[in-house]
Every structure is written in structure tokens, then in C-alpha cells.
Amino acid sequence: MNRNAPEAGPDERDEEDVTAAVDDGDLTDMLGELRVLLPSAQLLSAFLITVPFSSGFAQIVMSEKRVFLATFLLSVLSLVMLSAPAVQHRLVRPLIDRPRFKRLATRQIILGSVSLGLALTLATQLVLSEVFGHLTGIACASLIGFVLLLLWYVLPKALKRKGHI
């Protein structure tokens, strides 16, 4: 601290304290959101890691193996993207430019969520196609994809536009 610099007035300190509290609250909210998303990505990835080692995997057709590959890669990508903000936050502390970090972290969380949503949709297709046939797998995966799109994108955007959030 520079002893020759003028001391901030009470109004300036209050504004800085409020800004810091809002920034910390935003980061806390963001990390809380990650605590909800990460277990889903971890569970899906753990399930997918075991699939190739099951006895029936060698017998599935090549197109289903490609669906598995896409599902697995999207699931792992979601883990990487969703965990990145927490790792980055830990490595760059103390944050110098909080707004910039929040923008970066938000982008990573959104990309991780999109990857997770696609992986969940493809996993639905993969599992249900094997159990009930391709038509059922595709129909149910389409339904899951639609519900994810509706709840994760359309509804929040509509509520924000109407001023409800």
C-alpha cells in the first residue's frame, strides 16, 4: 500500500466492497453450478469407460461403435471443460481481472454443458438402441435432446427476455 496515496473516501470504499462481494458471489455461484454438472459428466464417463470391456461390445455394429466413440469423446470433453474454471481459478489466484475470468469461465461452462447434453443424448441412443432397437433409441434420444434444449437454453432465454430472472 502506498502511504503517500490519498485514502479512499467512505463512498469509494463502500462501492469497492459491494463490487468485490458481487464478484465473489458470482464466482461462488459459478463454482456451485459446476458442483451440479461435474458429477453427471463423471458418472457418464465412468459408465462409458466400462462399455468396451463388456462381453457384448465386440458384437455391436460399426455405426454403434461410432456413436459410442462420439459419446465418449463428448463426455470426456465435458469433464475437461467443466473442471477447467476451477483449476484455472486455483492456479491464477488472486484474480487480477475478475470480469475477464468470469467471461472465460462462463464460456467453458457453456461449452462443457453443450458437450454433456450431446453426450447424454447420444448415450440414450446407444443404450436404448441396444436394448429396444434403433427406432426406439433414436426416438428417445431425440426426446431427451429436445428436453435438454428446452430446459437448458430456450426456457432460461425466454425467462430472461421477459424479465423473470
C-alpha atoms as a PDB file:
ATOM      1  CA  MET A   1       0.000   0.000   0.000  1.00  0.00           C
ATOM      2  CA  ASN A   2       1.333   3.444  -0.896  1.00  0.00           C
ATOM      3  CA  ARG A   3       1.361   5.628   2.225  1.00  0.00           C
ATOM      4  CA  ASN A   4       1.523   8.816   0.145  1.00  0.00           C
ATOM      5  CA  ALA A   5      -1.608   7.959  -1.882  1.00  0.00           C
ATOM      6  CA  PRO A   6      -4.815   9.628  -0.744  1.00  0.00           C
ATOM      7  CA  GLU A   7      -7.093   7.373   1.226  1.00  0.00           C
ATOM      8  CA  ALA A   8     -10.340   6.339  -0.462  1.00  0.00           C
ATOM      9  CA  GLY A   9     -13.405   8.084   0.865  1.00  0.00           C
ATOM     10  CA  PRO A  10     -16.252   6.160   2.526  1.00  0.00           C
ATOM     11  CA  ASP A  11     -18.365   6.138  -0.643  1.00  0.00           C
ATOM     12  CA  GLU A  12     -15.496   4.770  -2.732  1.00  0.00           C
ATOM     13  CA  ARG A  13     -14.751   2.027  -0.183  1.00  0.00           C
ATOM     14  CA  ASP A  14     -18.411   1.006   0.020  1.00  0.00           C
ATOM     15  CA  GLU A  15     -18.619   0.774  -3.780  1.00  0.00           C
ATOM     16  CA  GLU A  16     -15.429  -1.325  -3.904  1.00  0.00           C
ATOM     17  CA  ASP A  17     -16.716  -3.610  -1.133  1.00  0.00           C
ATOM     18  CA  VAL A  18     -20.054  -4.103  -2.935  1.00  0.00           C
ATOM     19  CA  THR A  19     -18.298  -4.808  -6.259  1.00  0.00           C
ATOM     20  CA  ALA A  20     -15.940  -7.292  -4.593  1.00  0.00           C
ATOM     21  CA  ALA A  21     -18.842  -9.004  -2.826  1.00  0.00           C
ATOM     22  CA  VAL A  22     -20.825  -9.282  -6.082  1.00  0.00           C
ATOM     23  CA  ASP A  23     -17.758 -10.648  -7.907  1.00  0.00           C
ATOM     24  CA  ASP A  24     -17.121 -13.199  -5.147  1.00  0.00           C
ATOM     25  CA  GLY A  25     -20.808 -14.144  -5.145  1.00  0.00           C
ATOM     26  CA  ASP A  26     -20.759 -14.650  -8.909  1.00  0.00           C
ATOM     27  CA  LEU A  27     -17.695 -16.877  -8.625  1.00  0.00           C
ATOM     28  CA  THR A  28     -19.254 -18.781  -5.752  1.00  0.00           C
ATOM     29  CA  ASP A  29     -22.428 -19.296  -7.804  1.00  0.00           C
ATOM     30  CA  MET A  30     -20.346 -20.439 -10.755  1.00  0.00           C
ATOM     31  CA  LEU A  31     -18.431 -22.962  -8.683  1.00  0.00           C
ATOM     32  CA  GLY A  32     -21.721 -24.181  -7.188  1.00  0.00           C
ATOM     33  CA  GLU A  33     -23.106 -24.738 -10.690  1.00  0.00           C
ATOM     34  CA  LEU A  34     -20.038 -26.791 -11.511  1.00  0.00           C
ATOM     35  CA  ARG A  35     -20.677 -28.955  -8.445  1.00  0.00           C
ATOM     36  CA  VAL A  36     -24.023 -29.889 -10.008  1.00  0.00           C
ATOM     37  CA  LEU A  37     -22.743 -30.507 -13.553  1.00  0.00           C
ATOM     38  CA  LEU A  38     -19.472 -32.303 -12.839  1.00  0.00           C
ATOM     39  CA  PRO A  39     -20.927 -35.414 -11.132  1.00  0.00           C
ATOM     40  CA  SER A  40     -23.169 -36.007 -14.163  1.00  0.00           C
ATOM     41  CA  ALA A  41     -20.196 -35.835 -16.512  1.00  0.00           C
ATOM     42  CA  GLN A  42     -18.129 -38.020 -14.191  1.00  0.00           C
ATOM     43  CA  LEU A  43     -20.829 -40.658 -13.877  1.00  0.00           C
ATOM     44  CA  LEU A  44     -21.443 -40.793 -17.623  1.00  0.00           C
ATOM     45  CA  SER A  45     -17.722 -41.012 -18.355  1.00  0.00           C
ATOM     46  CA  ALA A  46     -17.269 -43.768 -15.769  1.00  0.00           C
ATOM     47  CA  PHE A  47     -20.118 -45.748 -17.334  1.00  0.00           C
ATOM     48  CA  LEU A  48     -18.710 -45.277 -20.830  1.00  0.00           C
ATOM     49  CA  ILE A  49     -15.220 -46.379 -19.772  1.00  0.00           C
ATOM     50  CA  THR A  50     -16.622 -49.800 -18.845  1.00  0.00           C
ATOM     51  CA  VAL A  51     -18.643 -50.349 -22.038  1.00  0.00           C
ATOM     52  CA  PRO A  52     -15.831 -51.571 -24.342  1.00  0.00           C
ATOM     53  CA  PHE A  53     -14.828 -54.150 -21.749  1.00  0.00           C
ATOM     54  CA  SER A  54     -18.273 -55.748 -21.603  1.00  0.00           C
ATOM     55  CA  SER A  55     -18.693 -59.055 -23.393  1.00  0.00           C
ATOM     56  CA  GLY A  56     -21.215 -57.837 -25.962  1.00  0.00           C
ATOM     57  CA  PHE A  57     -19.332 -54.765 -27.168  1.00  0.00           C
ATOM     58  CA  ALA A  58     -17.407 -56.675 -29.857  1.00  0.00           C
ATOM     59  CA  GLN A  59     -20.693 -57.777 -31.448  1.00  0.00           C
ATOM     60  CA  ILE A  60     -22.263 -54.327 -31.918  1.00  0.00           C
ATOM     61  CA  VAL A  61     -22.273 -52.903 -35.435  1.00  0.00           C
ATOM     62  CA  MET A  62     -19.683 -50.345 -36.519  1.00  0.00           C
ATOM     63  CA  SER A  63     -22.233 -47.497 -36.638  1.00  0.00           C
ATOM     64  CA  GLU A  64     -22.999 -48.043 -32.942  1.00  0.00           C
ATOM     65  CA  LYS A  65     -19.276 -48.115 -32.186  1.00  0.00           C
ATOM     66  CA  ARG A  66     -19.028 -44.704 -33.865  1.00  0.00           C
ATOM     67  CA  VAL A  67     -21.898 -43.455 -31.707  1.00  0.00           C
ATOM     68  CA  PHE A  68     -20.011 -44.803 -28.697  1.00  0.00           C
ATOM     69  CA  LEU A  69     -16.828 -43.011 -29.797  1.00  0.00           C
ATOM     70  CA  ALA A  70     -18.653 -39.697 -30.212  1.00  0.00           C
ATOM     71  CA  THR A  71     -20.428 -40.159 -26.869  1.00  0.00           C
ATOM     72  CA  PHE A  72     -17.216 -40.997 -25.052  1.00  0.00           C
ATOM     73  CA  LEU A  73     -15.275 -38.077 -26.553  1.00  0.00           C
ATOM     74  CA  LEU A  74     -18.086 -35.612 -25.792  1.00  0.00           C
ATOM     75  CA  SER A  75     -18.326 -36.927 -22.237  1.00  0.00           C
ATOM     76  CA  VAL A  76     -14.585 -36.548 -21.617  1.00  0.00           C
ATOM     77  CA  LEU A  77     -14.620 -33.116 -23.294  1.00  0.00           C
ATOM     78  CA  SER A  78     -17.403 -32.050 -20.930  1.00  0.00           C
ATOM     79  CA  LEU A  79     -15.282 -33.165 -17.951  1.00  0.00           C
ATOM     80  CA  VAL A  80     -12.337 -31.141 -19.210  1.00  0.00           C
ATOM     81  CA  MET A  81     -14.400 -28.018 -19.950  1.00  0.00           C
ATOM     82  CA  LEU A  82     -16.391 -28.163 -16.701  1.00  0.00           C
ATOM     83  CA  SER A  83     -13.341 -28.683 -14.498  1.00  0.00           C
ATOM     84  CA  ALA A  84     -11.202 -26.065 -16.273  1.00  0.00           C
ATOM     85  CA  PRO A  85     -12.599 -22.985 -14.427  1.00  0.00           C
ATOM     86  CA  ALA A  86     -11.907 -24.494 -11.001  1.00  0.00           C
ATOM     87  CA  VAL A  87      -8.356 -25.482 -11.954  1.00  0.00           C
ATOM     88  CA  GLN A  88      -7.687 -22.113 -13.583  1.00  0.00           C
ATOM     89  CA  HIS A  89      -9.125 -20.257 -10.589  1.00  0.00           C
ATOM     90  CA  ARG A  90      -6.799 -22.144  -8.283  1.00  0.00           C
ATOM     91  CA  LEU A  91      -3.723 -21.543 -10.469  1.00  0.00           C
ATOM     92  CA  VAL A  92      -4.181 -17.813 -11.101  1.00  0.00           C
ATOM     93  CA  ARG A  93      -5.253 -16.711  -7.615  1.00  0.00           C
ATOM     94  CA  PRO A  94      -5.506 -13.942  -6.709  1.00  0.00           C
ATOM     95  CA  LEU A  95      -7.576 -12.898  -9.688  1.00  0.00           C
ATOM     96  CA  ILE A  96      -6.424  -9.646 -11.236  1.00  0.00           C
ATOM     97  CA  ASP A  97      -9.237  -9.261 -13.769  1.00  0.00           C
ATOM     98  CA  ARG A  98     -12.363 -10.888 -12.294  1.00  0.00           C
ATOM     99  CA  PRO A  99     -14.768  -9.887 -15.075  1.00  0.00           C
ATOM    100  CA  ARG A 100     -12.476 -11.379 -17.723  1.00  0.00           C
ATOM    101  CA  PHE A 101     -12.068 -14.594 -15.731  1.00  0.00           C
ATOM    102  CA  LYS A 102     -15.838 -14.867 -15.279  1.00  0.00           C
ATOM    103  CA  ARG A 103     -16.389 -14.453 -19.039  1.00  0.00           C
ATOM    104  CA  LEU A 104     -13.809 -17.162 -19.781  1.00  0.00           C
ATOM    105  CA  ALA A 105     -15.235 -19.499 -17.143  1.00  0.00           C
ATOM    106  CA  THR A 106     -18.780 -18.903 -18.384  1.00  0.00           C
ATOM    107  CA  ARG A 107     -17.777 -19.840 -21.930  1.00  0.00           C
ATOM    108  CA  GLN A 108     -16.102 -23.008 -20.676  1.00  0.00           C
ATOM    109  CA  ILE A 109     -19.104 -23.976 -18.568  1.00  0.00           C
ATOM    110  CA  ILE A 110     -21.450 -23.436 -21.517  1.00  0.00           C
ATOM    111  CA  LEU A 111     -19.231 -25.477 -23.861  1.00  0.00           C
ATOM    112  CA  GLY A 112     -18.959 -28.187 -21.210  1.00  0.00           C
ATOM    113  CA  SER A 113     -22.730 -28.185 -20.764  1.00  0.00           C
ATOM    114  CA  VAL A 114     -23.306 -28.457 -24.524  1.00  0.00           C
ATOM    115  CA  SER A 115     -20.836 -31.360 -24.671  1.00  0.00           C
ATOM    116  CA  LEU A 116     -22.550 -33.017 -21.718  1.00  0.00           C
ATOM    117  CA  GLY A 117     -26.001 -32.540 -23.244  1.00  0.00           C
ATOM    118  CA  LEU A 118     -24.881 -34.068 -26.540  1.00  0.00           C
ATOM    119  CA  ALA A 119     -23.184 -36.942 -24.700  1.00  0.00           C
ATOM    120  CA  LEU A 120     -26.340 -37.618 -22.656  1.00  0.00           C
ATOM    121  CA  THR A 121     -28.426 -37.620 -25.822  1.00  0.00           C
ATOM    122  CA  LEU A 122     -26.068 -39.987 -27.629  1.00  0.00           C
ATOM    123  CA  ALA A 123     -25.777 -42.232 -24.562  1.00  0.00           C
ATOM    124  CA  THR A 124     -29.568 -42.506 -24.537  1.00  0.00           C
ATOM    125  CA  GLN A 125     -29.495 -43.541 -28.197  1.00  0.00           C
ATOM    126  CA  LEU A 126     -26.658 -46.003 -27.617  1.00  0.00           C
ATOM    127  CA  VAL A 127     -28.252 -47.778 -24.655  1.00  0.00           C
ATOM    128  CA  LEU A 128     -31.841 -47.838 -25.886  1.00  0.00           C
ATOM    129  CA  SER A 129     -30.866 -48.914 -29.420  1.00  0.00           C
ATOM    130  CA  GLU A 130     -29.097 -51.907 -27.953  1.00  0.00           C
ATOM    131  CA  VAL A 131     -31.985 -52.827 -25.659  1.00  0.00           C
ATOM    132  CA  PHE A 132     -35.073 -51.884 -27.715  1.00  0.00           C
ATOM    133  CA  GLY A 133     -33.840 -51.368 -31.280  1.00  0.00           C
ATOM    134  CA  HIS A 134     -32.696 -48.419 -33.348  1.00  0.00           C
ATOM    135  CA  LEU A 135     -36.082 -46.771 -33.846  1.00  0.00           C
ATOM    136  CA  THR A 136     -36.783 -46.614 -30.118  1.00  0.00           C
ATOM    137  CA  GLY A 137     -33.224 -45.460 -29.411  1.00  0.00           C
ATOM    138  CA  ILE A 138     -33.427 -42.658 -31.944  1.00  0.00           C
ATOM    139  CA  ALA A 139     -36.914 -41.570 -30.820  1.00  0.00           C
ATOM    140  CA  CYS A 140     -35.978 -41.475 -27.128  1.00  0.00           C
ATOM    141  CA  ALA A 141     -32.647 -39.757 -27.803  1.00  0.00           C
ATOM    142  CA  SER A 142     -34.480 -37.131 -29.861  1.00  0.00           C
ATOM    143  CA  LEU A 143     -36.889 -36.578 -26.972  1.00  0.00           C
ATOM    144  CA  ILE A 144     -34.032 -36.240 -24.477  1.00  0.00           C
ATOM    145  CA  GLY A 145     -32.207 -33.835 -26.789  1.00  0.00           C
ATOM    146  CA  PHE A 146     -35.380 -31.758 -27.158  1.00  0.00           C
ATOM    147  CA  VAL A 147     -35.961 -31.620 -23.389  1.00  0.00           C
ATOM    148  CA  LEU A 148     -32.325 -30.646 -22.769  1.00  0.00           C
ATOM    149  CA  LEU A 149     -32.536 -27.894 -25.377  1.00  0.00           C
ATOM    150  CA  LEU A 150     -35.802 -26.660 -23.922  1.00  0.00           C
ATOM    151  CA  LEU A 151     -34.702 -26.628 -20.261  1.00  0.00           C
ATOM    152  CA  TRP A 152     -31.055 -25.648 -20.676  1.00  0.00           C
ATOM    153  CA  TYR A 153     -31.429 -22.998 -23.399  1.00  0.00           C
ATOM    154  CA  VAL A 154     -34.906 -21.971 -24.530  1.00  0.00           C
ATOM    155  CA  LEU A 155     -36.541 -21.611 -21.093  1.00  0.00           C
ATOM    156  CA  PRO A 156     -33.725 -19.569 -19.470  1.00  0.00           C
ATOM    157  CA  LYS A 157     -33.521 -17.267 -22.505  1.00  0.00           C
ATOM    158  CA  ALA A 158     -37.304 -16.764 -22.514  1.00  0.00           C
ATOM    159  CA  LEU A 159     -37.424 -16.055 -18.770  1.00  0.00           C
ATOM    160  CA  LYS A 160     -34.543 -13.595 -19.037  1.00  0.00           C
ATOM    161  CA  ARG A 161     -36.137 -11.827 -22.026  1.00  0.00           C
ATOM    162  CA  LYS A 162     -39.410 -11.449 -20.109  1.00  0.00           C
ATOM    163  CA  GLY A 163     -37.564 -10.091 -17.084  1.00  0.00           C
ATOM    164  CA  HIS A 164     -38.478 -13.022 -14.797  1.00  0.00           C
ATOM    165  CA  ILE A 165     -34.850 -13.840 -13.988  1.00  0.00           C
END
